[in-house]
Amino acid sequence: MYWGKTEHNIPHAEYKRHYIQVLKEALDDGYDYDIRRTEVYEALDWLEKNTPSTWGITLFRQGLEIKDWNERAHYLREGYFQIQRFIAT
């Protein structure tokens, strides 16, 4: 295995970009749809293992379970921006 690559020879940065994009799309869709999908949880799990600070991931996860639309949007938005802050894409 090479430094910065996975066993499938995909650069670590590609995974980060992909999972950040999954969360961005979920954030955009969260106003109209239930975004609690497998790919969102998979992205959060991967980022949690590969991010120096997990506070944003915690906020995003909490936001997924909040029923009040305004509060949910706040948690998802804040979580997403915290995640971006600690991951250089």
PDB file of N, CA and C in Angstrom:
ATOM      1  N   MET A   1       0.845  -1.170   0.000  1.00  0.00           N
ATOM      2  CA  MET A   1       0.000   0.000   0.000  1.00  0.00           C
ATOM      3  C   MET A   1       0.893   1.238   0.000  1.00  0.00           C
ATOM      4  N   TYR A   2       0.515   2.232  -0.791  1.00  0.00           N
ATOM      5  CA  TYR A   2       1.280   3.468  -0.908  1.00  0.00           C
ATOM      6  C   TYR A   2       0.780   4.503   0.085  1.00  0.00           C
ATOM      7  N   TRP A   3       1.659   5.395   0.469  1.00  0.00           N
ATOM      8  CA  TRP A   3       1.299   6.464   1.384  1.00  0.00           C
ATOM      9  C   TRP A   3       0.173   7.310   0.791  1.00  0.00           C
ATOM     10  N   GLY A   4      -0.906   7.523   1.537  1.00  0.00           N
ATOM     11  CA  GLY A   4      -1.996   8.384   1.085  1.00  0.00           C
ATOM     12  C   GLY A   4      -2.975   7.709   0.153  1.00  0.00           C
ATOM     13  N   LYS A   5      -2.838   6.398  -0.016  1.00  0.00           N
ATOM     14  CA  LYS A   5      -3.767   5.686  -0.883  1.00  0.00           C
ATOM     15  C   LYS A   5      -4.371   4.516  -0.124  1.00  0.00           C
ATOM     16  N   THR A   6      -5.535   4.079  -0.571  1.00  0.00           N
ATOM     17  CA  THR A   6      -6.199   2.947   0.056  1.00  0.00           C
ATOM     18  C   THR A   6      -5.706   1.668  -0.600  1.00  0.00           C
ATOM     19  N   GLU A   7      -6.196   0.559  -0.116  1.00  0.00           N
ATOM     20  CA  GLU A   7      -5.804  -0.713  -0.700  1.00  0.00           C
ATOM     21  C   GLU A   7      -6.294  -0.857  -2.138  1.00  0.00           C
ATOM     22  N   HIS A   8      -7.273  -0.048  -2.545  1.00  0.00           N
ATOM     23  CA  HIS A   8      -7.787  -0.101  -3.915  1.00  0.00           C
ATOM     24  C   HIS A   8      -7.103   0.926  -4.807  1.00  0.00           C
ATOM     25  N   ASN A   9      -6.046   1.531  -4.283  1.00  0.00           N
ATOM     26  CA  ASN A   9      -5.239   2.474  -5.031  1.00  0.00           C
ATOM     27  C   ASN A   9      -5.984   3.778  -5.353  1.00  0.00           C
ATOM     28  N   ILE A  10      -6.964   4.119  -4.546  1.00  0.00           N
ATOM     29  CA  ILE A  10      -7.693   5.369  -4.709  1.00  0.00           C
ATOM     30  C   ILE A  10      -7.127   6.356  -3.689  1.00  0.00           C
ATOM     31  N   PRO A  11      -6.692   7.507  -4.118  1.00  0.00           N
ATOM     32  CA  PRO A  11      -6.109   8.473  -3.179  1.00  0.00           C
ATOM     33  C   PRO A  11      -7.095   8.861  -2.068  1.00  0.00           C
ATOM     34  N   HIS A  12      -6.563   9.020  -0.905  1.00  0.00           N
ATOM     35  CA  HIS A  12      -7.332   9.404   0.286  1.00  0.00           C
ATOM     36  C   HIS A  12      -8.145  10.677   0.018  1.00  0.00           C
ATOM     37  N   ALA A  13      -7.569  11.625  -0.677  1.00  0.00           N
ATOM     38  CA  ALA A  13      -8.242  12.895  -0.977  1.00  0.00           C
ATOM     39  C   ALA A  13      -9.507  12.685  -1.810  1.00  0.00           C
ATOM     40  N   GLU A  14      -9.499  11.669  -2.658  1.00  0.00           N
ATOM     41  CA  GLU A  14     -10.695  11.383  -3.471  1.00  0.00           C
ATOM     42  C   GLU A  14     -11.856  10.939  -2.589  1.00  0.00           C
ATOM     43  N   TYR A  15     -11.552  10.124  -1.598  1.00  0.00           N
ATOM     44  CA  TYR A  15     -12.590   9.720  -0.660  1.00  0.00           C
ATOM     45  C   TYR A  15     -13.132  10.928   0.089  1.00  0.00           C
ATOM     46  N   LYS A  16     -12.237  11.796   0.560  1.00  0.00           N
ATOM     47  CA  LYS A  16     -12.680  12.994   1.278  1.00  0.00           C
ATOM     48  C   LYS A  16     -13.602  13.834   0.412  1.00  0.00           C
ATOM     49  N   ARG A  17     -13.199  14.090  -0.820  1.00  0.00           N
ATOM     50  CA  ARG A  17     -14.030  14.895  -1.726  1.00  0.00           C
ATOM     51  C   ARG A  17     -15.394  14.251  -1.944  1.00  0.00           C
ATOM     52  N   HIS A  18     -15.368  12.947  -2.163  1.00  0.00           N
ATOM     53  CA  HIS A  18     -16.625  12.231  -2.407  1.00  0.00           C
ATOM     54  C   HIS A  18     -17.572  12.333  -1.204  1.00  0.00           C
ATOM     55  N   TYR A  19     -17.061  12.059  -0.019  1.00  0.00           N
ATOM     56  CA  TYR A  19     -17.920  12.062   1.167  1.00  0.00           C
ATOM     57  C   TYR A  19     -18.372  13.468   1.555  1.00  0.00           C
ATOM     58  N   ILE A  20     -17.547  14.462   1.335  1.00  0.00           N
ATOM     59  CA  ILE A  20     -17.977  15.841   1.568  1.00  0.00           C
ATOM     60  C   ILE A  20     -19.107  16.194   0.590  1.00  0.00           C
ATOM     61  N   GLN A  21     -18.987  15.738  -0.642  1.00  0.00           N
ATOM     62  CA  GLN A  21     -20.035  15.985  -1.640  1.00  0.00           C
ATOM     63  C   GLN A  21     -21.341  15.289  -1.250  1.00  0.00           C
ATOM     64  N   VAL A  22     -21.251  14.072  -0.719  1.00  0.00           N
ATOM     65  CA  VAL A  22     -22.450  13.356  -0.259  1.00  0.00           C
ATOM     66  C   VAL A  22     -23.160  14.175   0.819  1.00  0.00           C
ATOM     67  N   LEU A  23     -22.382  14.721   1.770  1.00  0.00           N
ATOM     68  CA  LEU A  23     -22.993  15.520   2.834  1.00  0.00           C
ATOM     69  C   LEU A  23     -23.554  16.831   2.297  1.00  0.00           C
ATOM     70  N   LYS A  24     -22.879  17.433   1.336  1.00  0.00           N
ATOM     71  CA  LYS A  24     -23.379  18.680   0.731  1.00  0.00           C
ATOM     72  C   LYS A  24     -24.720  18.438   0.040  1.00  0.00           C
ATOM     73  N   GLU A  25     -24.811  17.357  -0.697  1.00  0.00           N
ATOM     74  CA  GLU A  25     -26.066  17.031  -1.376  1.00  0.00           C
ATOM     75  C   GLU A  25     -27.172  16.737  -0.366  1.00  0.00           C
ATOM     76  N   ALA A  26     -26.815  16.048   0.722  1.00  0.00           N
ATOM     77  CA  ALA A  26     -27.799  15.772   1.777  1.00  0.00           C
ATOM     78  C   ALA A  26     -28.265  17.076   2.413  1.00  0.00           C
ATOM     79  N   LEU A  27     -27.334  17.980   2.654  1.00  0.00           N
ATOM     80  CA  LEU A  27     -27.677  19.281   3.225  1.00  0.00           C
ATOM     81  C   LEU A  27     -28.640  20.023   2.312  1.00  0.00           C
ATOM     82  N   ASP A  28     -28.362  20.022   1.024  1.00  0.00           N
ATOM     83  CA  ASP A  28     -29.234  20.694   0.052  1.00  0.00           C
ATOM     84  C   ASP A  28     -30.616  20.037  -0.016  1.00  0.00           C
ATOM     85  N   ASP A  29     -30.653  18.700   0.071  1.00  0.00           N
ATOM     86  CA  ASP A  29     -31.916  17.961  -0.024  1.00  0.00           C
ATOM     87  C   ASP A  29     -32.691  17.944   1.284  1.00  0.00           C
ATOM     88  N   GLY A  30     -32.014  18.260   2.394  1.00  0.00           N
ATOM     89  CA  GLY A  30     -32.610  18.130   3.721  1.00  0.00           C
ATOM     90  C   GLY A  30     -33.816  19.006   3.965  1.00  0.00           C
ATOM     91  N   TYR A  31     -33.985  20.031   3.169  1.00  0.00           N
ATOM     92  CA  TYR A  31     -35.142  20.909   3.335  1.00  0.00           C
ATOM     93  C   TYR A  31     -36.418  20.273   2.808  1.00  0.00           C
ATOM     94  N   ASP A  32     -36.267  19.365   1.849  1.00  0.00           N
ATOM     95  CA  ASP A  32     -37.433  18.784   1.199  1.00  0.00           C
ATOM     96  C   ASP A  32     -37.603  17.279   1.395  1.00  0.00           C
ATOM     97  N   TYR A  33     -36.510  16.583   1.722  1.00  0.00           N
ATOM     98  CA  TYR A  33     -36.549  15.124   1.744  1.00  0.00           C
ATOM     99  C   TYR A  33     -35.943  14.567   3.032  1.00  0.00           C
ATOM    100  N   ASP A  34     -36.266  13.318   3.310  1.00  0.00           N
ATOM    101  CA  ASP A  34     -35.622  12.598   4.403  1.00  0.00           C
ATOM    102  C   ASP A  34     -34.244  12.169   3.893  1.00  0.00           C
ATOM    103  N   ILE A  35     -33.214  12.686   4.497  1.00  0.00           N
ATOM    104  CA  ILE A  35     -31.854  12.440   4.000  1.00  0.00           C
ATOM    105  C   ILE A  35     -31.134  11.349   4.789  1.00  0.00           C
ATOM    106  N   ARG A  36     -31.843  10.663   5.644  1.00  0.00           N
ATOM    107  CA  ARG A  36     -31.229   9.589   6.421  1.00  0.00           C
ATOM    108  C   ARG A  36     -31.064   8.359   5.532  1.00  0.00           C
ATOM    109  N   ARG A  37     -30.054   8.427   4.690  1.00  0.00           N
ATOM    110  CA  ARG A  37     -29.764   7.360   3.735  1.00  0.00           C
ATOM    111  C   ARG A  37     -28.450   6.677   4.100  1.00  0.00           C
ATOM    112  N   THR A  38     -28.274   5.486   3.605  1.00  0.00           N
ATOM    113  CA  THR A  38     -27.063   4.712   3.868  1.00  0.00           C
ATOM    114  C   THR A  38     -25.820   5.481   3.473  1.00  0.00           C
ATOM    115  N   GLU A  39     -25.839   6.131   2.324  1.00  0.00           N
ATOM    116  CA  GLU A  39     -24.642   6.834   1.853  1.00  0.00           C
ATOM    117  C   GLU A  39     -24.270   8.005   2.769  1.00  0.00           C
ATOM    118  N   VAL A  40     -25.249   8.633   3.398  1.00  0.00           N
ATOM    119  CA  VAL A  40     -24.965   9.729   4.333  1.00  0.00           C
ATOM    120  C   VAL A  40     -24.288   9.178   5.580  1.00  0.00           C
ATOM    121  N   TYR A  41     -24.817   8.084   6.124  1.00  0.00           N
ATOM    122  CA  TYR A  41     -24.203   7.483   7.310  1.00  0.00           C
ATOM    123  C   TYR A  41     -22.824   6.907   6.990  1.00  0.00           C
ATOM    124  N   GLU A  42     -22.664   6.355   5.808  1.00  0.00           N
ATOM    125  CA  GLU A  42     -21.352   5.849   5.383  1.00  0.00           C
ATOM    126  C   GLU A  42     -20.342   6.993   5.318  1.00  0.00           C
ATOM    127  N   ALA A  43     -20.754   8.121   4.767  1.00  0.00           N
ATOM    128  CA  ALA A  43     -19.873   9.292   4.684  1.00  0.00           C
ATOM    129  C   ALA A  43     -19.490   9.766   6.083  1.00  0.00           C
ATOM    130  N   LEU A  44     -20.450   9.836   6.982  1.00  0.00           N
ATOM    131  CA  LEU A  44     -20.165  10.275   8.349  1.00  0.00           C
ATOM    132  C   LEU A  44     -19.222   9.307   9.058  1.00  0.00           C
ATOM    133  N   ASP A  45     -19.435   8.020   8.861  1.00  0.00           N
ATOM    134  CA  ASP A  45     -18.560   7.019   9.482  1.00  0.00           C
ATOM    135  C   ASP A  45     -17.126   7.161   8.981  1.00  0.00           C
ATOM    136  N   TRP A  46     -16.964   7.298   7.663  1.00  0.00           N
ATOM    137  CA  TRP A  46     -15.616   7.409   7.102  1.00  0.00           C
ATOM    138  C   TRP A  46     -14.939   8.690   7.576  1.00  0.00           C
ATOM    139  N   LEU A  47     -15.662   9.791   7.519  1.00  0.00           N
ATOM    140  CA  LEU A  47     -15.091  11.067   7.934  1.00  0.00           C
ATOM    141  C   LEU A  47     -14.732  11.064   9.421  1.00  0.00           C
ATOM    142  N   GLU A  48     -15.540  10.404  10.228  1.00  0.00           N
ATOM    143  CA  GLU A  48     -15.265  10.334  11.663  1.00  0.00           C
ATOM    144  C   GLU A  48     -13.917   9.645  11.930  1.00  0.00           C
ATOM    145  N   LYS A  49     -13.613   8.642  11.133  1.00  0.00           N
ATOM    146  CA  LYS A  49     -12.352   7.914  11.292  1.00  0.00           C
ATOM    147  C   LYS A  49     -11.165   8.686  10.723  1.00  0.00           C
ATOM    148  N   ASN A  50     -11.416   9.647   9.849  1.00  0.00           N
ATOM    149  CA  ASN A  50     -10.337  10.305   9.108  1.00  0.00           C
ATOM    150  C   ASN A  50     -10.306  11.816   9.287  1.00  0.00           C
ATOM    151  N   THR A  51     -10.910  12.308  10.358  1.00  0.00           N
ATOM    152  CA  THR A  51     -10.973  13.741  10.612  1.00  0.00           C
ATOM    153  C   THR A  51     -10.399  14.031  11.996  1.00  0.00           C
ATOM    154  N   PRO A  52      -9.576  15.058  12.118  1.00  0.00           N
ATOM    155  CA  PRO A  52      -8.979  15.363  13.420  1.00  0.00           C
ATOM    156  C   PRO A  52      -9.994  15.815  14.472  1.00  0.00           C
ATOM    157  N   SER A  53     -11.078  16.433  14.054  1.00  0.00           N
ATOM    158  CA  SER A  53     -12.110  16.868  14.995  1.00  0.00           C
ATOM    159  C   SER A  53     -13.441  16.289  14.535  1.00  0.00           C
ATOM    160  N   THR A  54     -14.151  15.666  15.460  1.00  0.00           N
ATOM    161  CA  THR A  54     -15.414  15.024  15.088  1.00  0.00           C
ATOM    162  C   THR A  54     -16.642  15.825  15.543  1.00  0.00           C
ATOM    163  N   TRP A  55     -16.447  17.038  16.035  1.00  0.00           N
ATOM    164  CA  TRP A  55     -17.574  17.836  16.509  1.00  0.00           C
ATOM    165  C   TRP A  55     -18.606  18.072  15.405  1.00  0.00           C
ATOM    166  N   GLY A  56     -18.168  18.416  14.217  1.00  0.00           N
ATOM    167  CA  GLY A  56     -19.091  18.649  13.108  1.00  0.00           C
ATOM    168  C   GLY A  56     -19.874  17.398  12.741  1.00  0.00           C
ATOM    169  N   ILE A  57     -19.228  16.256  12.824  1.00  0.00           N
ATOM    170  CA  ILE A  57     -19.892  14.988  12.520  1.00  0.00           C
ATOM    171  C   ILE A  57     -20.967  14.712  13.566  1.00  0.00           C
ATOM    172  N   THR A  58     -20.651  14.993  14.824  1.00  0.00           N
ATOM    173  CA  THR A  58     -21.629  14.822  15.900  1.00  0.00           C
ATOM    174  C   THR A  58     -22.847  15.712  15.663  1.00  0.00           C
ATOM    175  N   LEU A  59     -22.614  16.971  15.307  1.00  0.00           N
ATOM    176  CA  LEU A  59     -23.717  17.892  15.033  1.00  0.00           C
ATOM    177  C   LEU A  59     -24.571  17.401  13.860  1.00  0.00           C
ATOM    178  N   PHE A  60     -23.909  16.963  12.795  1.00  0.00           N
ATOM    179  CA  PHE A  60     -24.628  16.498  11.608  1.00  0.00           C
ATOM    180  C   PHE A  60     -25.486  15.280  11.959  1.00  0.00           C
ATOM    181  N   ARG A  61     -24.898  14.341  12.698  1.00  0.00           N
ATOM    182  CA  ARG A  61     -25.651  13.139  13.109  1.00  0.00           C
ATOM    183  C   ARG A  61     -26.870  13.529  13.960  1.00  0.00           C
ATOM    184  N   GLN A  62     -26.675  14.437  14.906  1.00  0.00           N
ATOM    185  CA  GLN A  62     -27.790  14.878  15.737  1.00  0.00           C
ATOM    186  C   GLN A  62     -28.867  15.532  14.885  1.00  0.00           C
ATOM    187  N   GLY A  63     -28.433  16.327  13.911  1.00  0.00           N
ATOM    188  CA  GLY A  63     -29.383  16.998  13.035  1.00  0.00           C
ATOM    189  C   GLY A  63     -30.250  16.035  12.242  1.00  0.00           C
ATOM    190  N   LEU A  64     -29.702  14.880  11.908  1.00  0.00           N
ATOM    191  CA  LEU A  64     -30.473  13.897  11.145  1.00  0.00           C
ATOM    192  C   LEU A  64     -31.688  13.398  11.918  1.00  0.00           C
ATOM    193  N   GLU A  65     -31.636  13.456  13.234  1.00  0.00           N
ATOM    194  CA  GLU A  65     -32.706  12.900  14.062  1.00  0.00           C
ATOM    195  C   GLU A  65     -33.672  13.949  14.603  1.00  0.00           C
ATOM    196  N   ILE A  66     -33.432  15.213  14.335  1.00  0.00           N
ATOM    197  CA  ILE A  66     -34.295  16.283  14.853  1.00  0.00           C
ATOM    198  C   ILE A  66     -35.518  16.448  13.956  1.00  0.00           C
ATOM    199  N   LYS A  67     -36.685  16.511  14.567  1.00  0.00           N
ATOM    200  CA  LYS A  67     -37.933  16.623  13.802  1.00  0.00           C
ATOM    201  C   LYS A  67     -38.264  18.061  13.403  1.00  0.00           C
ATOM    202  N   ASP A  68     -37.943  19.017  14.268  1.00  0.00           N
ATOM    203  CA  ASP A  68     -38.228  20.420  13.960  1.00  0.00           C
ATOM    204  C   ASP A  68     -37.359  20.877  12.788  1.00  0.00           C
ATOM    205  N   TRP A  69     -38.008  21.366  11.746  1.00  0.00           N
ATOM    206  CA  TRP A  69     -37.308  21.711  10.508  1.00  0.00           C
ATOM    207  C   TRP A  69     -36.222  22.762  10.722  1.00  0.00           C
ATOM    208  N   ASN A  70     -36.538  23.829  11.428  1.00  0.00           N
ATOM    209  CA  ASN A  70     -35.563  24.909  11.629  1.00  0.00           C
ATOM    210  C   ASN A  70     -34.366  24.452  12.450  1.00  0.00           C
ATOM    211  N   GLU A  71     -34.635  23.725  13.508  1.00  0.00           N
ATOM    212  CA  GLU A  71     -33.545  23.232  14.350  1.00  0.00           C
ATOM    213  C   GLU A  71     -32.684  22.224  13.594  1.00  0.00           C
ATOM    214  N   ARG A  72     -33.345  21.329  12.840  1.00  0.00           N
ATOM    215  CA  ARG A  72     -32.610  20.340  12.044  1.00  0.00           C
ATOM    216  C   ARG A  72     -31.694  21.034  11.043  1.00  0.00           C
ATOM    217  N   ALA A  73     -32.229  22.031  10.355  1.00  0.00           N
ATOM    218  CA  ALA A  73     -31.428  22.751   9.352  1.00  0.00           C
ATOM    219  C   ALA A  73     -30.222  23.413  10.001  1.00  0.00           C
ATOM    220  N   HIS A  74     -30.414  23.974  11.187  1.00  0.00           N
ATOM    221  CA  HIS A  74     -29.301  24.612  11.903  1.00  0.00           C
ATOM    222  C   HIS A  74     -28.205  23.595  12.222  1.00  0.00           C
ATOM    223  N   TYR A  75     -28.577  22.451  12.758  1.00  0.00           N
ATOM    224  CA  TYR A  75     -27.592  21.422  13.116  1.00  0.00           C
ATOM    225  C   TYR A  75     -26.863  20.894  11.876  1.00  0.00           C
ATOM    226  N   LEU A  76     -27.611  20.619  10.815  1.00  0.00           N
ATOM    227  CA  LEU A  76     -26.989  20.099   9.599  1.00  0.00           C
ATOM    228  C   LEU A  76     -26.019  21.113   8.996  1.00  0.00           C
ATOM    229  N   ARG A  77     -26.451  22.362   8.915  1.00  0.00           N
ATOM    230  CA  ARG A  77     -25.599  23.415   8.353  1.00  0.00           C
ATOM    231  C   ARG A  77     -24.337  23.609   9.185  1.00  0.00           C
ATOM    232  N   GLU A  78     -24.513  23.744  10.492  1.00  0.00           N
ATOM    233  CA  GLU A  78     -23.369  23.963  11.371  1.00  0.00           C
ATOM    234  C   GLU A  78     -22.427  22.759  11.352  1.00  0.00           C
ATOM    235  N   GLY A  79     -22.995  21.565  11.361  1.00  0.00           N
ATOM    236  CA  GLY A  79     -22.169  20.359  11.292  1.00  0.00           C
ATOM    237  C   GLY A  79     -21.364  20.296  10.007  1.00  0.00           C
ATOM    238  N   TYR A  80     -22.016  20.597   8.899  1.00  0.00           N
ATOM    239  CA  TYR A  80     -21.336  20.564   7.598  1.00  0.00           C
ATOM    240  C   TYR A  80     -20.179  21.569   7.565  1.00  0.00           C
ATOM    241  N   PHE A  81     -20.403  22.772   8.041  1.00  0.00           N
ATOM    242  CA  PHE A  81     -19.349  23.778   8.007  1.00  0.00           C
ATOM    243  C   PHE A  81     -18.204  23.439   8.959  1.00  0.00           C
ATOM    244  N   GLN A  82     -18.505  22.814  10.089  1.00  0.00           N
ATOM    245  CA  GLN A  82     -17.456  22.374  11.002  1.00  0.00           C
ATOM    246  C   GLN A  82     -16.615  21.265  10.368  1.00  0.00           C
ATOM    247  N   ILE A  83     -17.271  20.367   9.672  1.00  0.00           N
ATOM    248  CA  ILE A  83     -16.548  19.280   8.984  1.00  0.00           C
ATOM    249  C   ILE A  83     -15.621  19.883   7.933  1.00  0.00           C
ATOM    250  N   GLN A  84     -16.140  20.794   7.140  1.00  0.00           N
ATOM    251  CA  GLN A  84     -15.320  21.427   6.109  1.00  0.00           C
ATOM    252  C   GLN A  84     -14.131  22.162   6.719  1.00  0.00           C
ATOM    253  N   ARG A  85     -14.338  22.747   7.852  1.00  0.00           N
ATOM    254  CA  ARG A  85     -13.282  23.506   8.517  1.00  0.00           C
ATOM    255  C   ARG A  85     -12.081  22.636   8.867  1.00  0.00           C
ATOM    256  N   PHE A  86     -12.336  21.374   9.209  1.00  0.00           N
ATOM    257  CA  PHE A  86     -11.256  20.499   9.642  1.00  0.00           C
ATOM    258  C   PHE A  86     -10.757  19.559   8.557  1.00  0.00           C
ATOM    259  N   ILE A  87     -11.319  19.655   7.389  1.00  0.00           N
ATOM    260  CA  ILE A  87     -10.852  18.806   6.278  1.00  0.00           C
ATOM    261  C   ILE A  87     -10.475  19.722   5.126  1.00  0.00           C
ATOM    262  N   ALA A  88      -9.253  19.656   4.729  1.00  0.00           N
ATOM    263  CA  ALA A  88      -8.810  20.436   3.561  1.00  0.00           C
ATOM    264  C   ALA A  88      -9.097  19.608   2.315  1.00  0.00           C
ATOM    265  N   THR A  89     -10.066  20.084   1.504  1.00  0.00           N
ATOM    266  CA  THR A  89     -10.406  19.337   0.281  1.00  0.00           C
ATOM    267  C   THR A  89      -9.810  20.002  -0.925  1.00  0.00           C
TER     268      THR A  89
END
